[in-house]
Amino acid sequence: MSRAATKKFSSLMSKALLEQLKRQAEQNGQSVRFLMEAAVRHYLEVVVPSTQKVRPEIIALGEESIRENMDLMKRLARAK
């Protein structure tokens, strides 16, 4: 079984947050590294993609608004 390549890095975190992370790791019998990797993986796989997409219902509402207000938009465009 091969081990995944790792690279050491340094970062800063609020003292209170780091203490909370350490307590949680200890309570669950996990390492801080495990929790940090899980948090970063979740952020990259779930949070980032969800912030880069517009929800379909929002797109539908925008399209509906455009259809409903097309006449007004045309009149405003001619008024310029």
PDB file of N, CA and C in Angstrom:
ATOM      1  N   MET A   1       0.850  -1.181   0.000  1.00  0.00           N
ATOM      2  CA  MET A   1       0.000   0.000   0.000  1.00  0.00           C
ATOM      3  C   MET A   1       0.891   1.237   0.000  1.00  0.00           C
ATOM      4  N   SER A   2       0.728   2.101  -0.998  1.00  0.00           N
ATOM      5  CA  SER A   2       1.576   3.287  -1.084  1.00  0.00           C
ATOM      6  C   SER A   2       0.959   4.443  -0.307  1.00  0.00           C
ATOM      7  N   ARG A   3       1.829   5.266   0.210  1.00  0.00           N
ATOM      8  CA  ARG A   3       1.370   6.429   0.976  1.00  0.00           C
ATOM      9  C   ARG A   3       1.264   7.625   0.039  1.00  0.00           C
ATOM     10  N   ALA A   4       0.271   8.443   0.267  1.00  0.00           N
ATOM     11  CA  ALA A   4       0.101   9.652  -0.532  1.00  0.00           C
ATOM     12  C   ALA A   4       1.238  10.613  -0.235  1.00  0.00           C
ATOM     13  N   ALA A   5       1.712  11.282  -1.267  1.00  0.00           N
ATOM     14  CA  ALA A   5       2.771  12.272  -1.081  1.00  0.00           C
ATOM     15  C   ALA A   5       2.248  13.411  -0.219  1.00  0.00           C
ATOM     16  N   THR A   6       3.084  13.871   0.665  1.00  0.00           N
ATOM     17  CA  THR A   6       2.700  14.978   1.531  1.00  0.00           C
ATOM     18  C   THR A   6       3.720  16.092   1.420  1.00  0.00           C
ATOM     19  N   LYS A   7       3.311  17.277   1.789  1.00  0.00           N
ATOM     20  CA  LYS A   7       4.190  18.423   1.800  1.00  0.00           C
ATOM     21  C   LYS A   7       3.872  19.252   3.020  1.00  0.00           C
ATOM     22  N   LYS A   8       4.880  19.582   3.768  1.00  0.00           N
ATOM     23  CA  LYS A   8       4.696  20.364   4.981  1.00  0.00           C
ATOM     24  C   LYS A   8       4.494  21.844   4.610  1.00  0.00           C
ATOM     25  N   PHE A   9       3.607  22.508   5.331  1.00  0.00           N
ATOM     26  CA  PHE A   9       3.399  23.941   5.133  1.00  0.00           C
ATOM     27  C   PHE A   9       3.093  24.578   6.472  1.00  0.00           C
ATOM     28  N   SER A  10       3.147  25.883   6.486  1.00  0.00           N
ATOM     29  CA  SER A  10       2.881  26.615   7.717  1.00  0.00           C
ATOM     30  C   SER A  10       1.806  27.653   7.437  1.00  0.00           C
ATOM     31  N   SER A  11       0.930  27.829   8.399  1.00  0.00           N
ATOM     32  CA  SER A  11      -0.130  28.814   8.250  1.00  0.00           C
ATOM     33  C   SER A  11      -0.463  29.388   9.619  1.00  0.00           C
ATOM     34  N   LEU A  12      -1.302  30.380   9.636  1.00  0.00           N
ATOM     35  CA  LEU A  12      -1.749  30.987  10.886  1.00  0.00           C
ATOM     36  C   LEU A  12      -3.247  30.767  11.038  1.00  0.00           C
ATOM     37  N   MET A  13      -3.678  30.587  12.280  1.00  0.00           N
ATOM     38  CA  MET A  13      -5.086  30.394  12.593  1.00  0.00           C
ATOM     39  C   MET A  13      -5.324  31.033  13.959  1.00  0.00           C
ATOM     40  N   SER A  14      -6.526  31.494  14.197  1.00  0.00           N
ATOM     41  CA  SER A  14      -6.802  32.081  15.505  1.00  0.00           C
ATOM     42  C   SER A  14      -6.541  31.035  16.592  1.00  0.00           C
ATOM     43  N   LYS A  15      -6.033  31.497  17.693  1.00  0.00           N
ATOM     44  CA  LYS A  15      -5.679  30.606  18.799  1.00  0.00           C
ATOM     45  C   LYS A  15      -6.896  29.820  19.279  1.00  0.00           C
ATOM     46  N   ALA A  16      -8.016  30.508  19.430  1.00  0.00           N
ATOM     47  CA  ALA A  16      -9.232  29.854  19.924  1.00  0.00           C
ATOM     48  C   ALA A  16      -9.706  28.772  18.952  1.00  0.00           C
ATOM     49  N   LEU A  17      -9.649  29.062  17.661  1.00  0.00           N
ATOM     50  CA  LEU A  17     -10.088  28.089  16.661  1.00  0.00           C
ATOM     51  C   LEU A  17      -9.167  26.872  16.643  1.00  0.00           C
ATOM     52  N   LEU A  18      -7.871  27.107  16.747  1.00  0.00           N
ATOM     53  CA  LEU A  18      -6.918  26.000  16.771  1.00  0.00           C
ATOM     54  C   LEU A  18      -7.132  25.127  18.000  1.00  0.00           C
ATOM     55  N   GLU A  19      -7.380  25.737  19.144  1.00  0.00           N
ATOM     56  CA  GLU A  19      -7.632  24.954  20.362  1.00  0.00           C
ATOM     57  C   GLU A  19      -8.897  24.117  20.215  1.00  0.00           C
ATOM     58  N   GLN A  20      -9.913  24.689  19.621  1.00  0.00           N
ATOM     59  CA  GLN A  20     -11.162  23.960  19.394  1.00  0.00           C
ATOM     60  C   GLN A  20     -10.917  22.779  18.445  1.00  0.00           C
ATOM     61  N   LEU A  21     -10.124  22.998  17.413  1.00  0.00           N
ATOM     62  CA  LEU A  21      -9.786  21.943  16.462  1.00  0.00           C
ATOM     63  C   LEU A  21      -9.025  20.811  17.157  1.00  0.00           C
ATOM     64  N   LYS A  22      -8.052  21.180  17.983  1.00  0.00           N
ATOM     65  CA  LYS A  22      -7.276  20.173  18.712  1.00  0.00           C
ATOM     66  C   LYS A  22      -8.159  19.363  19.651  1.00  0.00           C
ATOM     67  N   ARG A  23      -9.072  20.037  20.364  1.00  0.00           N
ATOM     68  CA  ARG A  23      -9.987  19.335  21.274  1.00  0.00           C
ATOM     69  C   ARG A  23     -10.868  18.351  20.513  1.00  0.00           C
ATOM     70  N   GLN A  24     -11.391  18.812  19.383  1.00  0.00           N
ATOM     71  CA  GLN A  24     -12.263  17.955  18.575  1.00  0.00           C
ATOM     72  C   GLN A  24     -11.500  16.736  18.074  1.00  0.00           C
ATOM     73  N   ALA A  25     -10.286  16.935  17.616  1.00  0.00           N
ATOM     74  CA  ALA A  25      -9.468  15.822  17.131  1.00  0.00           C
ATOM     75  C   ALA A  25      -9.224  14.822  18.255  1.00  0.00           C
ATOM     76  N   GLU A  26      -8.880  15.318  19.413  1.00  0.00           N
ATOM     77  CA  GLU A  26      -8.605  14.445  20.552  1.00  0.00           C
ATOM     78  C   GLU A  26      -9.860  13.674  20.973  1.00  0.00           C
ATOM     79  N   GLN A  27     -10.980  14.354  21.035  1.00  0.00           N
ATOM     80  CA  GLN A  27     -12.234  13.715  21.441  1.00  0.00           C
ATOM     81  C   GLN A  27     -12.628  12.582  20.488  1.00  0.00           C
ATOM     82  N   ASN A  28     -12.308  12.757  19.201  1.00  0.00           N
ATOM     83  CA  ASN A  28     -12.703  11.770  18.193  1.00  0.00           C
ATOM     84  C   ASN A  28     -11.596  10.783  17.858  1.00  0.00           C
ATOM     85  N   GLY A  29     -10.460  10.903  18.546  1.00  0.00           N
ATOM     86  CA  GLY A  29      -9.350  10.005  18.254  1.00  0.00           C
ATOM     87  C   GLY A  29      -8.775  10.220  16.866  1.00  0.00           C
ATOM     88  N   GLN A  30      -8.829  11.465  16.409  1.00  0.00           N
ATOM     89  CA  GLN A  30      -8.318  11.806  15.079  1.00  0.00           C
ATOM     90  C   GLN A  30      -7.152  12.773  15.234  1.00  0.00           C
ATOM     91  N   SER A  31      -6.405  12.926  14.168  1.00  0.00           N
ATOM     92  CA  SER A  31      -5.302  13.883  14.196  1.00  0.00           C
ATOM     93  C   SER A  31      -5.783  15.234  13.679  1.00  0.00           C
ATOM     94  N   VAL A  32      -5.077  16.271  14.074  1.00  0.00           N
ATOM     95  CA  VAL A  32      -5.381  17.606  13.551  1.00  0.00           C
ATOM     96  C   VAL A  32      -5.208  17.595  12.035  1.00  0.00           C
ATOM     97  N   ARG A  33      -4.186  16.896  11.561  1.00  0.00           N
ATOM     98  CA  ARG A  33      -3.950  16.798  10.115  1.00  0.00           C
ATOM     99  C   ARG A  33      -5.170  16.204   9.414  1.00  0.00           C
ATOM    100  N   PHE A  34      -5.720  15.128   9.964  1.00  0.00           N
ATOM    101  CA  PHE A  34      -6.892  14.498   9.355  1.00  0.00           C
ATOM    102  C   PHE A  34      -8.049  15.492   9.253  1.00  0.00           C
ATOM    103  N   LEU A  35      -8.319  16.206  10.340  1.00  0.00           N
ATOM    104  CA  LEU A  35      -9.425  17.170  10.330  1.00  0.00           C
ATOM    105  C   LEU A  35      -9.163  18.326   9.371  1.00  0.00           C
ATOM    106  N   MET A  36      -7.920  18.791   9.321  1.00  0.00           N
ATOM    107  CA  MET A  36      -7.588  19.885   8.394  1.00  0.00           C
ATOM    108  C   MET A  36      -7.760  19.434   6.947  1.00  0.00           C
ATOM    109  N   GLU A  37      -7.278  18.241   6.628  1.00  0.00           N
ATOM    110  CA  GLU A  37      -7.433  17.739   5.260  1.00  0.00           C
ATOM    111  C   GLU A  37      -8.904  17.540   4.913  1.00  0.00           C
ATOM    112  N   ALA A  38      -9.680  17.031   5.862  1.00  0.00           N
ATOM    113  CA  ALA A  38     -11.114  16.837   5.624  1.00  0.00           C
ATOM    114  C   ALA A  38     -11.808  18.178   5.387  1.00  0.00           C
ATOM    115  N   ALA A  39     -11.432  19.184   6.162  1.00  0.00           N
ATOM    116  CA  ALA A  39     -12.047  20.509   6.013  1.00  0.00           C
ATOM    117  C   ALA A  39     -11.682  21.134   4.666  1.00  0.00           C
ATOM    118  N   VAL A  40     -10.440  21.024   4.277  1.00  0.00           N
ATOM    119  CA  VAL A  40     -10.010  21.595   2.995  1.00  0.00           C
ATOM    120  C   VAL A  40     -10.659  20.835   1.842  1.00  0.00           C
ATOM    121  N   ARG A  41     -10.704  19.512   1.942  1.00  0.00           N
ATOM    122  CA  ARG A  41     -11.337  18.702   0.896  1.00  0.00           C
ATOM    123  C   ARG A  41     -12.812  19.102   0.752  1.00  0.00           C
ATOM    124  N   HIS A  42     -13.513  19.232   1.862  1.00  0.00           N
ATOM    125  CA  HIS A  42     -14.924  19.641   1.828  1.00  0.00           C
ATOM    126  C   HIS A  42     -15.068  21.018   1.171  1.00  0.00           C
ATOM    127  N   TYR A  43     -14.209  21.935   1.554  1.00  0.00           N
ATOM    128  CA  TYR A  43     -14.262  23.284   0.983  1.00  0.00           C
ATOM    129  C   TYR A  43     -14.072  23.238  -0.528  1.00  0.00           C
ATOM    130  N   LEU A  44     -13.057  22.492  -0.986  1.00  0.00           N
ATOM    131  CA  LEU A  44     -12.758  22.442  -2.420  1.00  0.00           C
ATOM    132  C   LEU A  44     -13.798  21.668  -3.218  1.00  0.00           C
ATOM    133  N   GLU A  45     -14.351  20.613  -2.645  1.00  0.00           N
ATOM    134  CA  GLU A  45     -15.289  19.761  -3.382  1.00  0.00           C
ATOM    135  C   GLU A  45     -16.747  20.208  -3.277  1.00  0.00           C
ATOM    136  N   VAL A  46     -17.102  20.882  -2.186  1.00  0.00           N
ATOM    137  CA  VAL A  46     -18.507  21.240  -1.965  1.00  0.00           C
ATOM    138  C   VAL A  46     -18.741  22.746  -1.997  1.00  0.00           C
ATOM    139  N   VAL A  47     -17.992  23.478  -1.209  1.00  0.00           N
ATOM    140  CA  VAL A  47     -18.241  24.910  -1.062  1.00  0.00           C
ATOM    141  C   VAL A  47     -17.880  25.675  -2.335  1.00  0.00           C
ATOM    142  N   VAL A  48     -16.678  25.467  -2.842  1.00  0.00           N
ATOM    143  CA  VAL A  48     -16.239  26.221  -4.025  1.00  0.00           C
ATOM    144  C   VAL A  48     -17.172  25.986  -5.211  1.00  0.00           C
ATOM    145  N   PRO A  49     -17.466  24.734  -5.580  1.00  0.00           N
ATOM    146  CA  PRO A  49     -18.369  24.543  -6.720  1.00  0.00           C
ATOM    147  C   PRO A  49     -19.746  25.172  -6.519  1.00  0.00           C
ATOM    148  N   SER A  50     -20.257  25.139  -5.294  1.00  0.00           N
ATOM    149  CA  SER A  50     -21.598  25.684  -5.064  1.00  0.00           C
ATOM    150  C   SER A  50     -21.624  27.201  -5.163  1.00  0.00           C
ATOM    151  N   THR A  51     -20.491  27.858  -4.969  1.00  0.00           N
ATOM    152  CA  THR A  51     -20.461  29.319  -5.072  1.00  0.00           C
ATOM    153  C   THR A  51     -20.168  29.779  -6.489  1.00  0.00           C
ATOM    154  N   GLN A  52     -19.800  28.857  -7.364  1.00  0.00           N
ATOM    155  CA  GLN A  52     -19.465  29.223  -8.734  1.00  0.00           C
ATOM    156  C   GLN A  52     -20.593  28.931  -9.710  1.00  0.00           C
ATOM    157  N   LYS A  53     -21.710  28.475  -9.209  1.00  0.00           N
ATOM    158  CA  LYS A  53     -22.841  28.149 -10.069  1.00  0.00           C
ATOM    159  C   LYS A  53     -24.049  28.956  -9.626  1.00  0.00           C
ATOM    160  N   VAL A  54     -24.823  29.368 -10.593  1.00  0.00           N
ATOM    161  CA  VAL A  54     -26.080  30.042 -10.281  1.00  0.00           C
ATOM    162  C   VAL A  54     -27.157  28.966 -10.244  1.00  0.00           C
ATOM    163  N   ARG A  55     -27.915  28.962  -9.190  1.00  0.00           N
ATOM    164  CA  ARG A  55     -28.962  27.954  -9.046  1.00  0.00           C
ATOM    165  C   ARG A  55     -29.965  28.068 -10.192  1.00  0.00           C
ATOM    166  N   PRO A  56     -30.417  26.938 -10.722  1.00  0.00           N
ATOM    167  CA  PRO A  56     -31.348  26.955 -11.858  1.00  0.00           C
ATOM    168  C   PRO A  56     -32.614  27.766 -11.603  1.00  0.00           C
ATOM    169  N   GLU A  57     -33.118  27.733 -10.366  1.00  0.00           N
ATOM    170  CA  GLU A  57     -34.343  28.495 -10.089  1.00  0.00           C
ATOM    171  C   GLU A  57     -34.103  30.003 -10.184  1.00  0.00           C
ATOM    172  N   ILE A  58     -32.883  30.438  -9.893  1.00  0.00           N
ATOM    173  CA  ILE A  58     -32.556  31.866 -10.009  1.00  0.00           C
ATOM    174  C   ILE A  58     -32.489  32.253 -11.486  1.00  0.00           C
ATOM    175  N   ILE A  59     -31.892  31.394 -12.298  1.00  0.00           N
ATOM    176  CA  ILE A  59     -31.834  31.648 -13.741  1.00  0.00           C
ATOM    177  C   ILE A  59     -33.246  31.710 -14.307  1.00  0.00           C
ATOM    178  N   ALA A  60     -34.104  30.783 -13.904  1.00  0.00           N
ATOM    179  CA  ALA A  60     -35.490  30.767 -14.392  1.00  0.00           C
ATOM    180  C   ALA A  60     -36.231  32.038 -14.007  1.00  0.00           C
ATOM    181  N   LEU A  61     -36.030  32.513 -12.786  1.00  0.00           N
ATOM    182  CA  LEU A  61     -36.671  33.758 -12.357  1.00  0.00           C
ATOM    183  C   LEU A  61     -36.178  34.944 -13.180  1.00  0.00           C
ATOM    184  N   GLY A  62     -34.887  34.972 -13.460  1.00  0.00           N
ATOM    185  CA  GLY A  62     -34.341  36.050 -14.280  1.00  0.00           C
ATOM    186  C   GLY A  62     -34.915  36.043 -15.688  1.00  0.00           C
ATOM    187  N   GLU A  63     -35.003  34.852 -16.275  1.00  0.00           N
ATOM    188  CA  GLU A  63     -35.566  34.728 -17.623  1.00  0.00           C
ATOM    189  C   GLU A  63     -37.035  35.139 -17.643  1.00  0.00           C
ATOM    190  N   GLU A  64     -37.770  34.748 -16.612  1.00  0.00           N
ATOM    191  CA  GLU A  64     -39.182  35.120 -16.516  1.00  0.00           C
ATOM    192  C   GLU A  64     -39.330  36.636 -16.399  1.00  0.00           C
ATOM    193  N   SER A  65     -38.488  37.251 -15.604  1.00  0.00           N
ATOM    194  CA  SER A  65     -38.535  38.699 -15.437  1.00  0.00           C
ATOM    195  C   SER A  65     -38.239  39.408 -16.759  1.00  0.00           C
ATOM    196  N   ILE A  66     -37.277  38.892 -17.489  1.00  0.00           N
ATOM    197  CA  ILE A  66     -36.945  39.493 -18.793  1.00  0.00           C
ATOM    198  C   ILE A  66     -38.145  39.389 -19.731  1.00  0.00           C
ATOM    199  N   ARG A  67     -38.762  38.210 -19.784  1.00  0.00           N
ATOM    200  CA  ARG A  67     -39.931  38.034 -20.658  1.00  0.00           C
ATOM    201  C   ARG A  67     -41.058  38.997 -20.268  1.00  0.00           C
ATOM    202  N   GLU A  68     -41.320  39.091 -18.969  1.00  0.00           N
ATOM    203  CA  GLU A  68     -42.415  39.941 -18.499  1.00  0.00           C
ATOM    204  C   GLU A  68     -42.153  41.421 -18.747  1.00  0.00           C
ATOM    205  N   ASN A  69     -40.891  41.807 -18.755  1.00  0.00           N
ATOM    206  CA  ASN A  69     -40.563  43.227 -18.864  1.00  0.00           C
ATOM    207  C   ASN A  69     -39.930  43.615 -20.194  1.00  0.00           C
ATOM    208  N   MET A  70     -40.017  42.741 -21.186  1.00  0.00           N
ATOM    209  CA  MET A  70     -39.375  43.001 -22.475  1.00  0.00           C
ATOM    210  C   MET A  70     -39.898  44.291 -23.113  1.00  0.00           C
ATOM    211  N   ASP A  71     -41.201  44.498 -23.082  1.00  0.00           N
ATOM    212  CA  ASP A  71     -41.770  45.705 -23.689  1.00  0.00           C
ATOM    213  C   ASP A  71     -41.205  46.961 -23.021  1.00  0.00           C
ATOM    214  N   LEU A  72     -41.174  46.964 -21.701  1.00  0.00           N
ATOM    215  CA  LEU A  72     -40.633  48.101 -20.967  1.00  0.00           C
ATOM    216  C   LEU A  72     -39.160  48.317 -21.310  1.00  0.00           C
ATOM    217  N   MET A  73     -38.386  47.244 -21.385  1.00  0.00           N
ATOM    218  CA  MET A  73     -36.956  47.381 -21.706  1.00  0.00           C
ATOM    219  C   MET A  73     -36.759  47.960 -23.105  1.00  0.00           C
ATOM    220  N   LYS A  74     -37.599  47.535 -24.054  1.00  0.00           N
ATOM    221  CA  LYS A  74     -37.508  48.066 -25.427  1.00  0.00           C
ATOM    222  C   LYS A  74     -37.836  49.562 -25.436  1.00  0.00           C
ATOM    223  N   ARG A  75     -38.884  49.958 -24.698  1.00  0.00           N
ATOM    224  CA  ARG A  75     -39.246  51.376 -24.651  1.00  0.00           C
ATOM    225  C   ARG A  75     -38.146  52.198 -23.998  1.00  0.00           C
ATOM    226  N   LEU A  76     -37.549  51.664 -22.935  1.00  0.00           N
ATOM    227  CA  LEU A  76     -36.448  52.384 -22.267  1.00  0.00           C
ATOM    228  C   LEU A  76     -35.232  52.503 -23.181  1.00  0.00           C
ATOM    229  N   ALA A  77     -34.968  51.467 -23.956  1.00  0.00           N
ATOM    230  CA  ALA A  77     -33.816  51.495 -24.874  1.00  0.00           C
ATOM    231  C   ALA A  77     -34.033  52.547 -25.963  1.00  0.00           C
ATOM    232  N   ARG A  78     -35.279  52.689 -26.449  1.00  0.00           N
ATOM    233  CA  ARG A  78     -35.567  53.695 -27.472  1.00  0.00           C
ATOM    234  C   ARG A  78     -35.514  55.104 -26.900  1.00  0.00           C
ATOM    235  N   ALA A  79     -35.792  55.267 -25.607  1.00  0.00           N
ATOM    236  CA  ALA A  79     -35.858  56.581 -24.990  1.00  0.00           C
ATOM    237  C   ALA A  79     -34.482  57.227 -24.890  1.00  0.00           C
ATOM    238  N   LYS A  80     -33.445  56.475 -24.949  1.00  0.00           N
ATOM    239  CA  LYS A  80     -32.089  57.036 -24.824  1.00  0.00           C
ATOM    240  C   LYS A  80     -31.734  57.856 -25.987  1.00  0.00           C
TER     241      LYS A  80
END
